[in-house]
Amino acid sequence: AKYKDRVLGSDPRLVIPFYDLEDNLVAVNCRAINDCRLRYITVKIDDNAPMIYNLNKIDRNRTIYVTEGPIDSMFLDNSVAVGSSDLNAISKVLDRDKVVLVFDNQPRNQQLIDIMSTAASQQYKMVIWPSSILQKDINEMVESGVDNIQHIIDNNTLHGLALSVRLNQWKKV
């Protein structure tokens, strides 16, 4: 009832379901397929449940890759998406030592840099994209024909001092 008369339009959309750890549907994200002004519509079914895409399908004993968007996560092994750039939100649900944060490739976005710096100070592992990657996110990389994205991610996952050094270099690119 809370969404009645709020979700209007007839634009074609990709509907992406979000489930909790017990396979309960907690939200759906409806992404426009065309150049619609309203790109995303999110309908929450359980306001108290964390909205993390693919949470019910991952192996919690292996490395878990955390992306911003659900479509990006679909191209990686054992991954989830939080639906925003606040990848730190995953800490409420998953063990930090199993997680690799895979932010979008936006080195000039100060808000993103701040979030990444906070995550680095909290001892997360994360990917710092090499300068040869020009695309904004994994979906764009796939569309552009970038090969071996999982390999690029694994070879550019850092933590601790190495992460701090690379993050400082990356944000100046």
N, C-alpha and C. Protein backbone atom coordinates (compact mmCIF):
# COMPACT_ATOMS: atom_id res chain seq x y z
N ALA A 1 0.82 -1.20 0.00
CA ALA A 1 0.00 0.00 0.00
C ALA A 1 0.86 1.26 0.00
N LYS A 2 2.06 1.21 0.60
CA LYS A 2 2.86 2.43 0.67
C LYS A 2 3.39 2.87 -0.69
N TYR A 3 3.39 1.98 -1.69
CA TYR A 3 3.86 2.35 -3.03
C TYR A 3 2.72 2.66 -3.99
N LYS A 4 1.49 2.52 -3.54
CA LYS A 4 0.32 2.77 -4.38
C LYS A 4 0.39 4.21 -4.91
N ASP A 5 0.20 4.35 -6.20
CA ASP A 5 0.22 5.63 -6.91
C ASP A 5 1.60 6.29 -6.95
N ARG A 6 2.65 5.64 -6.47
CA ARG A 6 3.99 6.22 -6.50
C ARG A 6 4.84 5.64 -7.62
N VAL A 7 4.57 4.41 -8.03
CA VAL A 7 5.34 3.77 -9.09
C VAL A 7 4.48 3.76 -10.34
N LEU A 8 4.75 4.71 -11.20
CA LEU A 8 3.96 4.88 -12.41
C LEU A 8 4.87 4.77 -13.63
N GLY A 9 4.27 4.58 -14.78
CA GLY A 9 5.02 4.56 -16.02
C GLY A 9 4.95 3.20 -16.69
N SER A 10 5.37 3.19 -17.93
CA SER A 10 5.32 1.95 -18.70
C SER A 10 6.67 1.64 -19.35
N ASP A 11 7.74 2.23 -18.82
CA ASP A 11 9.06 1.98 -19.37
C ASP A 11 9.47 0.53 -19.11
N PRO A 12 10.12 -0.12 -20.08
CA PRO A 12 10.59 -1.48 -19.84
C PRO A 12 11.68 -1.48 -18.78
N ARG A 13 11.62 -2.46 -17.87
CA ARG A 13 12.57 -2.52 -16.77
C ARG A 13 13.02 -3.95 -16.52
N LEU A 14 14.25 -4.06 -16.07
CA LEU A 14 14.80 -5.32 -15.59
C LEU A 14 14.47 -5.38 -14.11
N VAL A 15 13.77 -6.42 -13.68
CA VAL A 15 13.39 -6.55 -12.28
C VAL A 15 14.38 -7.49 -11.59
N ILE A 16 15.04 -6.96 -10.57
CA ILE A 16 16.09 -7.69 -9.86
C ILE A 16 15.62 -7.94 -8.43
N PRO A 17 15.42 -9.21 -8.05
CA PRO A 17 14.95 -9.51 -6.69
C PRO A 17 16.09 -9.54 -5.68
N PHE A 18 15.80 -9.14 -4.47
CA PHE A 18 16.75 -9.18 -3.34
C PHE A 18 16.15 -10.09 -2.28
N TYR A 19 16.93 -11.08 -1.84
CA TYR A 19 16.49 -12.03 -0.83
C TYR A 19 17.41 -11.94 0.39
N ASP A 20 16.90 -12.33 1.54
CA ASP A 20 17.74 -12.40 2.73
C ASP A 20 18.40 -13.77 2.81
N LEU A 21 19.12 -14.02 3.87
CA LEU A 21 19.84 -15.29 4.02
C LEU A 21 18.92 -16.50 4.08
N GLU A 22 17.66 -16.30 4.44
CA GLU A 22 16.70 -17.41 4.53
C GLU A 22 15.83 -17.50 3.28
N ASP A 23 16.23 -16.85 2.19
CA ASP A 23 15.50 -16.87 0.91
C ASP A 23 14.15 -16.16 0.94
N ASN A 24 13.97 -15.22 1.86
CA ASN A 24 12.76 -14.40 1.88
C ASN A 24 12.98 -13.19 0.98
N LEU A 25 12.03 -12.90 0.12
CA LEU A 25 12.11 -11.72 -0.73
C LEU A 25 11.99 -10.48 0.14
N VAL A 26 13.00 -9.58 0.06
CA VAL A 26 12.99 -8.37 0.90
C VAL A 26 12.82 -7.09 0.08
N ALA A 27 13.11 -7.16 -1.23
CA ALA A 27 12.98 -5.97 -2.08
C ALA A 27 13.09 -6.38 -3.54
N VAL A 28 12.65 -5.49 -4.40
CA VAL A 28 12.91 -5.63 -5.83
C VAL A 28 13.42 -4.29 -6.34
N ASN A 29 14.37 -4.37 -7.22
CA ASN A 29 14.96 -3.20 -7.84
C ASN A 29 14.57 -3.27 -9.31
N CYS A 30 13.98 -2.23 -9.83
CA CYS A 30 13.54 -2.20 -11.22
C CYS A 30 14.39 -1.19 -11.98
N ARG A 31 15.25 -1.69 -12.85
CA ARG A 31 16.19 -0.83 -13.56
C ARG A 31 15.69 -0.60 -14.97
N ALA A 32 15.64 0.67 -15.37
CA ALA A 32 15.20 1.01 -16.73
C ALA A 32 16.15 0.41 -17.75
N ILE A 33 15.59 -0.10 -18.82
CA ILE A 33 16.40 -0.68 -19.89
C ILE A 33 16.77 0.39 -20.92
N ASN A 34 15.92 1.39 -21.04
CA ASN A 34 16.18 2.48 -21.99
C ASN A 34 16.74 3.70 -21.24
N ASP A 35 16.68 4.85 -21.87
CA ASP A 35 17.22 6.08 -21.26
C ASP A 35 16.17 6.83 -20.44
N CYS A 36 15.39 6.10 -19.72
CA CYS A 36 14.34 6.69 -18.89
C CYS A 36 14.94 7.63 -17.84
N ARG A 37 14.27 8.74 -17.58
CA ARG A 37 14.74 9.72 -16.59
C ARG A 37 14.85 9.08 -15.20
N LEU A 38 13.91 8.22 -14.84
CA LEU A 38 13.92 7.52 -13.56
C LEU A 38 14.58 6.16 -13.80
N ARG A 39 15.89 6.09 -13.57
CA ARG A 39 16.67 4.89 -13.92
C ARG A 39 16.36 3.70 -13.01
N TYR A 40 16.21 3.95 -11.71
CA TYR A 40 15.95 2.87 -10.76
C TYR A 40 14.69 3.15 -9.97
N ILE A 41 13.92 2.10 -9.76
CA ILE A 41 12.80 2.12 -8.83
C ILE A 41 13.02 0.95 -7.89
N THR A 42 13.01 1.24 -6.59
CA THR A 42 13.20 0.18 -5.60
C THR A 42 11.94 0.07 -4.75
N VAL A 43 11.48 -1.16 -4.60
CA VAL A 43 10.32 -1.44 -3.77
C VAL A 43 10.78 -2.36 -2.65
N LYS A 44 10.73 -1.86 -1.41
CA LYS A 44 11.14 -2.67 -0.25
C LYS A 44 9.93 -3.38 0.32
N ILE A 45 10.09 -4.67 0.54
CA ILE A 45 9.04 -5.48 1.13
C ILE A 45 9.24 -5.57 2.64
N ASP A 46 10.50 -5.66 3.05
CA ASP A 46 10.84 -5.70 4.47
C ASP A 46 11.81 -4.56 4.75
N ASP A 47 11.31 -3.50 5.36
CA ASP A 47 12.13 -2.31 5.62
C ASP A 47 13.28 -2.57 6.58
N ASN A 48 13.21 -3.63 7.36
CA ASN A 48 14.24 -3.92 8.35
C ASN A 48 15.36 -4.82 7.83
N ALA A 49 15.12 -5.47 6.72
CA ALA A 49 16.12 -6.40 6.16
C ALA A 49 17.16 -5.64 5.35
N PRO A 50 18.42 -6.07 5.42
CA PRO A 50 19.44 -5.42 4.58
C PRO A 50 19.16 -5.72 3.11
N MET A 51 19.31 -4.70 2.28
CA MET A 51 19.04 -4.87 0.85
C MET A 51 20.35 -5.19 0.15
N ILE A 52 20.67 -6.48 0.09
CA ILE A 52 21.92 -6.93 -0.50
C ILE A 52 21.59 -7.99 -1.55
N TYR A 53 21.90 -7.68 -2.80
CA TYR A 53 21.60 -8.59 -3.90
C TYR A 53 22.48 -9.84 -3.84
N ASN A 54 21.87 -10.99 -4.03
CA ASN A 54 22.53 -12.30 -4.13
C ASN A 54 23.03 -12.83 -2.79
N LEU A 55 22.62 -12.24 -1.70
CA LEU A 55 23.06 -12.65 -0.38
C LEU A 55 22.72 -14.12 -0.10
N ASN A 56 21.60 -14.57 -0.63
CA ASN A 56 21.15 -15.94 -0.38
C ASN A 56 21.87 -16.98 -1.23
N LYS A 57 22.73 -16.58 -2.14
CA LYS A 57 23.37 -17.53 -3.07
C LYS A 57 24.87 -17.69 -2.88
N ILE A 58 25.48 -16.90 -2.01
CA ILE A 58 26.94 -16.93 -1.89
C ILE A 58 27.41 -18.03 -0.95
N ASP A 59 28.66 -18.41 -1.12
CA ASP A 59 29.34 -19.34 -0.22
C ASP A 59 30.10 -18.48 0.78
N ARG A 60 29.65 -18.46 2.02
CA ARG A 60 30.23 -17.58 3.04
C ARG A 60 31.60 -18.05 3.51
N ASN A 61 32.04 -19.21 3.05
CA ASN A 61 33.36 -19.73 3.42
C ASN A 61 34.44 -19.34 2.42
N ARG A 62 34.05 -18.70 1.33
CA ARG A 62 35.00 -18.26 0.30
C ARG A 62 35.04 -16.75 0.25
N THR A 63 35.97 -16.21 -0.52
CA THR A 63 36.02 -14.77 -0.73
C THR A 63 34.72 -14.30 -1.37
N ILE A 64 34.19 -13.20 -0.84
CA ILE A 64 32.94 -12.64 -1.35
C ILE A 64 33.24 -11.25 -1.90
N TYR A 65 32.94 -11.05 -3.17
CA TYR A 65 33.17 -9.76 -3.82
C TYR A 65 31.91 -8.92 -3.65
N VAL A 66 32.09 -7.67 -3.23
CA VAL A 66 30.97 -6.77 -2.97
C VAL A 66 31.04 -5.61 -3.95
N THR A 67 30.03 -5.51 -4.80
CA THR A 67 29.98 -4.44 -5.79
C THR A 67 28.88 -3.44 -5.42
N GLU A 68 28.89 -2.33 -6.15
CA GLU A 68 27.85 -1.33 -5.93
C GLU A 68 26.53 -1.81 -6.54
N GLY A 69 26.54 -2.20 -7.80
CA GLY A 69 25.30 -2.54 -8.49
C GLY A 69 25.13 -4.03 -8.73
N PRO A 70 23.88 -4.50 -8.71
CA PRO A 70 23.59 -5.91 -8.95
C PRO A 70 24.10 -6.41 -10.31
N ILE A 71 23.98 -5.60 -11.35
CA ILE A 71 24.43 -6.06 -12.68
C ILE A 71 25.94 -6.30 -12.66
N ASP A 72 26.70 -5.42 -12.03
CA ASP A 72 28.15 -5.62 -11.92
C ASP A 72 28.46 -6.94 -11.21
N SER A 73 27.72 -7.25 -10.16
CA SER A 73 27.99 -8.46 -9.39
C SER A 73 27.73 -9.73 -10.20
N MET A 74 26.88 -9.65 -11.19
CA MET A 74 26.53 -10.83 -11.98
C MET A 74 27.71 -11.34 -12.81
N PHE A 75 28.73 -10.53 -12.99
CA PHE A 75 29.88 -10.93 -13.79
C PHE A 75 31.02 -11.50 -12.94
N LEU A 76 30.84 -11.54 -11.62
CA LEU A 76 31.90 -12.01 -10.73
C LEU A 76 31.48 -13.28 -10.01
N ASP A 77 32.47 -14.05 -9.63
CA ASP A 77 32.27 -15.26 -8.87
C ASP A 77 31.96 -14.91 -7.41
N ASN A 78 30.95 -15.56 -6.83
CA ASN A 78 30.64 -15.45 -5.41
C ASN A 78 30.55 -13.98 -4.97
N SER A 79 29.61 -13.25 -5.56
CA SER A 79 29.52 -11.83 -5.28
C SER A 79 28.12 -11.38 -4.89
N VAL A 80 28.09 -10.23 -4.22
CA VAL A 80 26.85 -9.58 -3.81
C VAL A 80 26.94 -8.11 -4.22
N ALA A 81 25.81 -7.40 -4.12
CA ALA A 81 25.78 -5.97 -4.40
C ALA A 81 24.93 -5.28 -3.36
N VAL A 82 25.36 -4.07 -2.97
CA VAL A 82 24.63 -3.32 -1.95
C VAL A 82 23.73 -2.23 -2.53
N GLY A 83 23.81 -1.99 -3.83
CA GLY A 83 22.91 -1.04 -4.46
C GLY A 83 23.27 0.42 -4.24
N SER A 84 24.47 0.66 -3.72
CA SER A 84 24.95 2.03 -3.52
C SER A 84 26.47 1.98 -3.41
N SER A 85 27.08 3.16 -3.26
CA SER A 85 28.54 3.18 -3.11
C SER A 85 28.97 2.92 -1.67
N ASP A 86 28.01 2.77 -0.75
CA ASP A 86 28.36 2.51 0.64
C ASP A 86 28.57 1.01 0.86
N LEU A 87 29.67 0.51 0.32
CA LEU A 87 29.96 -0.92 0.42
C LEU A 87 30.27 -1.34 1.85
N ASN A 88 30.58 -0.38 2.72
CA ASN A 88 30.83 -0.68 4.13
C ASN A 88 29.59 -1.28 4.80
N ALA A 89 28.42 -1.05 4.23
CA ALA A 89 27.17 -1.55 4.81
C ALA A 89 27.17 -3.08 4.92
N ILE A 90 28.02 -3.71 4.17
CA ILE A 90 28.09 -5.17 4.18
C ILE A 90 28.56 -5.70 5.53
N SER A 91 29.23 -4.87 6.32
CA SER A 91 29.77 -5.31 7.61
C SER A 91 28.70 -5.78 8.58
N LYS A 92 27.46 -5.36 8.37
CA LYS A 92 26.37 -5.79 9.24
C LYS A 92 25.96 -7.23 8.98
N VAL A 93 26.40 -7.78 7.85
CA VAL A 93 25.93 -9.09 7.43
C VAL A 93 27.04 -10.12 7.21
N LEU A 94 28.22 -9.67 6.75
CA LEU A 94 29.31 -10.58 6.40
C LEU A 94 30.58 -10.26 7.18
N ASP A 95 31.39 -11.28 7.39
CA ASP A 95 32.66 -11.10 8.07
C ASP A 95 33.63 -10.32 7.19
N ARG A 96 34.22 -9.30 7.76
CA ARG A 96 35.14 -8.41 7.03
C ARG A 96 36.30 -9.18 6.38
N ASP A 97 36.80 -10.22 7.04
CA ASP A 97 37.96 -10.93 6.51
C ASP A 97 37.65 -11.75 5.26
N LYS A 98 36.38 -11.98 4.94
CA LYS A 98 35.99 -12.73 3.74
C LYS A 98 35.62 -11.83 2.56
N VAL A 99 35.59 -10.52 2.79
CA VAL A 99 35.03 -9.58 1.83
C VAL A 99 36.11 -8.82 1.07
N VAL A 100 35.88 -8.63 -0.24
CA VAL A 100 36.68 -7.73 -1.07
C VAL A 100 35.71 -6.70 -1.64
N LEU A 101 35.96 -5.43 -1.34
CA LEU A 101 35.11 -4.36 -1.84
C LEU A 101 35.55 -3.97 -3.25
N VAL A 102 34.59 -3.95 -4.18
CA VAL A 102 34.87 -3.63 -5.58
C VAL A 102 34.06 -2.39 -5.94
N PHE A 103 34.65 -1.23 -5.67
CA PHE A 103 33.98 0.03 -5.97
C PHE A 103 34.03 0.30 -7.47
N ASP A 104 33.16 1.21 -7.94
CA ASP A 104 33.23 1.66 -9.31
C ASP A 104 34.56 2.38 -9.54
N ASN A 105 34.93 2.50 -10.78
CA ASN A 105 36.19 3.14 -11.17
C ASN A 105 35.95 4.63 -11.40
N GLN A 106 35.87 5.40 -10.32
CA GLN A 106 35.60 6.83 -10.40
C GLN A 106 36.59 7.60 -9.52
N PRO A 107 37.85 7.69 -9.95
CA PRO A 107 38.89 8.28 -9.09
C PRO A 107 38.73 9.77 -8.80
N ARG A 108 37.86 10.45 -9.52
CA ARG A 108 37.69 11.89 -9.27
C ARG A 108 36.42 12.19 -8.46
N ASN A 109 35.73 11.17 -8.03
CA ASN A 109 34.51 11.33 -7.25
C ASN A 109 34.89 11.41 -5.77
N GLN A 110 34.85 12.63 -5.21
CA GLN A 110 35.33 12.83 -3.84
C GLN A 110 34.50 12.06 -2.82
N GLN A 111 33.20 11.97 -3.03
CA GLN A 111 32.36 11.21 -2.10
C GLN A 111 32.79 9.74 -2.08
N LEU A 112 33.06 9.18 -3.25
CA LEU A 112 33.52 7.80 -3.33
C LEU A 112 34.89 7.63 -2.67
N ILE A 113 35.79 8.56 -2.92
CA ILE A 113 37.13 8.52 -2.30
C ILE A 113 37.01 8.51 -0.78
N ASP A 114 36.11 9.33 -0.24
CA ASP A 114 35.91 9.37 1.21
C ASP A 114 35.43 8.03 1.74
N ILE A 115 34.49 7.42 1.06
CA ILE A 115 33.97 6.10 1.47
C ILE A 115 35.08 5.05 1.40
N MET A 116 35.86 5.08 0.32
CA MET A 116 36.95 4.12 0.16
C MET A 116 38.01 4.32 1.24
N SER A 117 38.33 5.56 1.56
CA SER A 117 39.33 5.85 2.60
C SER A 117 38.87 5.32 3.95
N THR A 118 37.59 5.50 4.25
CA THR A 118 37.05 4.98 5.51
C THR A 118 37.16 3.46 5.53
N ALA A 119 36.78 2.81 4.44
CA ALA A 119 36.86 1.35 4.37
C ALA A 119 38.30 0.87 4.52
N ALA A 120 39.24 1.58 3.90
CA ALA A 120 40.65 1.21 4.02
C ALA A 120 41.11 1.32 5.47
N SER A 121 40.68 2.37 6.16
CA SER A 121 41.08 2.56 7.56
C SER A 121 40.45 1.49 8.47
N GLN A 122 39.37 0.88 8.00
CA GLN A 122 38.72 -0.19 8.76
C GLN A 122 39.25 -1.58 8.38
N GLN A 123 40.37 -1.58 7.65
CA GLN A 123 41.08 -2.82 7.30
C GLN A 123 40.34 -3.72 6.32
N TYR A 124 39.49 -3.14 5.48
CA TYR A 124 38.89 -3.92 4.41
C TYR A 124 39.91 -4.18 3.32
N LYS A 125 39.71 -5.25 2.58
CA LYS A 125 40.43 -5.48 1.33
C LYS A 125 39.59 -4.84 0.24
N MET A 126 40.25 -4.22 -0.73
CA MET A 126 39.49 -3.64 -1.83
C MET A 126 40.31 -3.59 -3.10
N VAL A 127 39.60 -3.40 -4.19
CA VAL A 127 40.21 -3.32 -5.50
C VAL A 127 40.50 -1.86 -5.82
N ILE A 128 41.71 -1.61 -6.29
CA ILE A 128 42.07 -0.32 -6.87
C ILE A 128 42.32 -0.61 -8.35
N TRP A 129 41.44 -0.08 -9.19
CA TRP A 129 41.52 -0.37 -10.62
C TRP A 129 42.82 0.17 -11.22
N PRO A 130 43.46 -0.62 -12.08
CA PRO A 130 44.68 -0.12 -12.75
C PRO A 130 44.32 1.01 -13.72
N SER A 131 45.29 1.86 -14.01
CA SER A 131 45.05 3.02 -14.89
C SER A 131 44.65 2.60 -16.31
N SER A 132 44.93 1.36 -16.68
CA SER A 132 44.55 0.89 -18.02
C SER A 132 43.03 0.67 -18.15
N ILE A 133 42.33 0.62 -17.03
CA ILE A 133 40.88 0.45 -17.05
C ILE A 133 40.25 1.84 -17.05
N LEU A 134 39.53 2.15 -18.13
CA LEU A 134 38.94 3.48 -18.28
C LEU A 134 37.44 3.49 -18.00
N GLN A 135 36.81 2.33 -18.02
CA GLN A 135 35.37 2.25 -17.85
C GLN A 135 34.98 2.50 -16.39
N LYS A 136 33.75 2.97 -16.20
CA LYS A 136 33.26 3.35 -14.87
C LYS A 136 32.93 2.16 -13.98
N ASP A 137 32.44 1.08 -14.57
CA ASP A 137 32.04 -0.06 -13.74
C ASP A 137 32.22 -1.37 -14.52
N ILE A 138 31.96 -2.47 -13.86
CA ILE A 138 32.18 -3.78 -14.46
C ILE A 138 31.28 -3.99 -15.67
N ASN A 139 30.04 -3.56 -15.59
CA ASN A 139 29.12 -3.69 -16.71
C ASN A 139 29.69 -2.99 -17.95
N GLU A 140 30.21 -1.78 -17.79
CA GLU A 140 30.81 -1.06 -18.92
C GLU A 140 32.06 -1.78 -19.42
N MET A 141 32.82 -2.39 -18.52
CA MET A 141 34.01 -3.14 -18.92
C MET A 141 33.60 -4.31 -19.82
N VAL A 142 32.57 -5.02 -19.42
CA VAL A 142 32.09 -6.15 -20.21
C VAL A 142 31.59 -5.66 -21.57
N GLU A 143 30.81 -4.58 -21.57
CA GLU A 143 30.30 -4.02 -22.83
C GLU A 143 31.44 -3.59 -23.75
N SER A 144 32.55 -3.14 -23.18
CA SER A 144 33.70 -2.67 -23.97
C SER A 144 34.65 -3.79 -24.38
N GLY A 145 34.36 -5.02 -23.94
CA GLY A 145 35.19 -6.14 -24.33
C GLY A 145 36.40 -6.39 -23.46
N VAL A 146 36.45 -5.81 -22.26
CA VAL A 146 37.57 -6.06 -21.34
C VAL A 146 37.52 -7.53 -20.94
N ASP A 147 38.64 -8.23 -21.10
CA ASP A 147 38.71 -9.65 -20.76
C ASP A 147 39.25 -9.84 -19.35
N ASN A 148 38.94 -11.00 -18.80
CA ASN A 148 39.52 -11.43 -17.51
C ASN A 148 39.29 -10.45 -16.37
N ILE A 149 38.08 -9.94 -16.24
CA ILE A 149 37.78 -8.96 -15.19
C ILE A 149 38.04 -9.57 -13.81
N GLN A 150 37.65 -10.82 -13.62
CA GLN A 150 37.89 -11.47 -12.32
C GLN A 150 39.39 -11.51 -12.02
N HIS A 151 40.20 -11.80 -13.03
CA HIS A 151 41.66 -11.83 -12.88
C HIS A 151 42.21 -10.44 -12.54
N ILE A 152 41.70 -9.41 -13.23
CA ILE A 152 42.13 -8.04 -12.95
C ILE A 152 41.81 -7.68 -11.50
N ILE A 153 40.62 -8.06 -11.06
CA ILE A 153 40.21 -7.78 -9.68
C ILE A 153 41.13 -8.49 -8.69
N ASP A 154 41.34 -9.78 -8.92
CA ASP A 154 42.18 -10.55 -7.99
C ASP A 154 43.61 -10.02 -7.92
N ASN A 155 44.14 -9.53 -9.05
CA ASN A 155 45.50 -9.01 -9.08
C ASN A 155 45.62 -7.58 -8.57
N ASN A 156 44.49 -6.92 -8.31
CA ASN A 156 44.50 -5.54 -7.84
C ASN A 156 43.73 -5.37 -6.53
N THR A 157 43.63 -6.47 -5.78
CA THR A 157 43.01 -6.44 -4.46
C THR A 157 44.11 -6.20 -3.43
N LEU A 158 43.92 -5.17 -2.62
CA LEU A 158 44.94 -4.75 -1.67
C LEU A 158 44.32 -4.51 -0.29
N HIS A 159 45.18 -4.42 0.71
CA HIS A 159 44.75 -4.01 2.04
C HIS A 159 45.96 -3.41 2.77
N GLY A 160 45.68 -2.78 3.90
CA GLY A 160 46.76 -2.22 4.71
C GLY A 160 47.50 -1.08 4.03
N LEU A 161 48.80 -1.03 4.26
CA LEU A 161 49.63 0.05 3.73
C LEU A 161 49.65 0.07 2.20
N ALA A 162 49.73 -1.10 1.58
CA ALA A 162 49.73 -1.17 0.11
C ALA A 162 48.46 -0.55 -0.46
N LEU A 163 47.33 -0.80 0.20
CA LEU A 163 46.07 -0.21 -0.24
C LEU A 163 46.10 1.30 -0.09
N SER A 164 46.58 1.80 1.03
CA SER A 164 46.63 3.26 1.25
C SER A 164 47.48 3.95 0.19
N VAL A 165 48.63 3.36 -0.13
CA VAL A 165 49.51 3.95 -1.14
C VAL A 165 48.83 3.98 -2.51
N ARG A 166 48.26 2.84 -2.93
CA ARG A 166 47.60 2.77 -4.24
C ARG A 166 46.36 3.65 -4.31
N LEU A 167 45.62 3.74 -3.22
CA LEU A 167 44.43 4.60 -3.21
C LEU A 167 44.84 6.06 -3.39
N ASN A 168 45.91 6.48 -2.74
CA ASN A 168 46.39 7.87 -2.91
C ASN A 168 46.86 8.13 -4.33
N GLN A 169 47.49 7.14 -4.97
CA GLN A 169 47.90 7.30 -6.37
C GLN A 169 46.69 7.32 -7.28
N TRP A 170 45.75 6.41 -7.06
CA TRP A 170 44.56 6.25 -7.92
C TRP A 170 43.71 7.50 -7.94
N LYS A 171 43.49 8.11 -6.78
CA LYS A 171 42.59 9.25 -6.70
C LYS A 171 43.15 10.50 -7.37
N LYS A 172 44.43 10.49 -7.71
CA LYS A 172 45.05 11.64 -8.38
C LYS A 172 45.08 11.47 -9.90
N VAL A 173 44.65 10.32 -10.37
CA VAL A 173 44.70 10.04 -11.81
C VAL A 173 43.84 11.01 -12.58
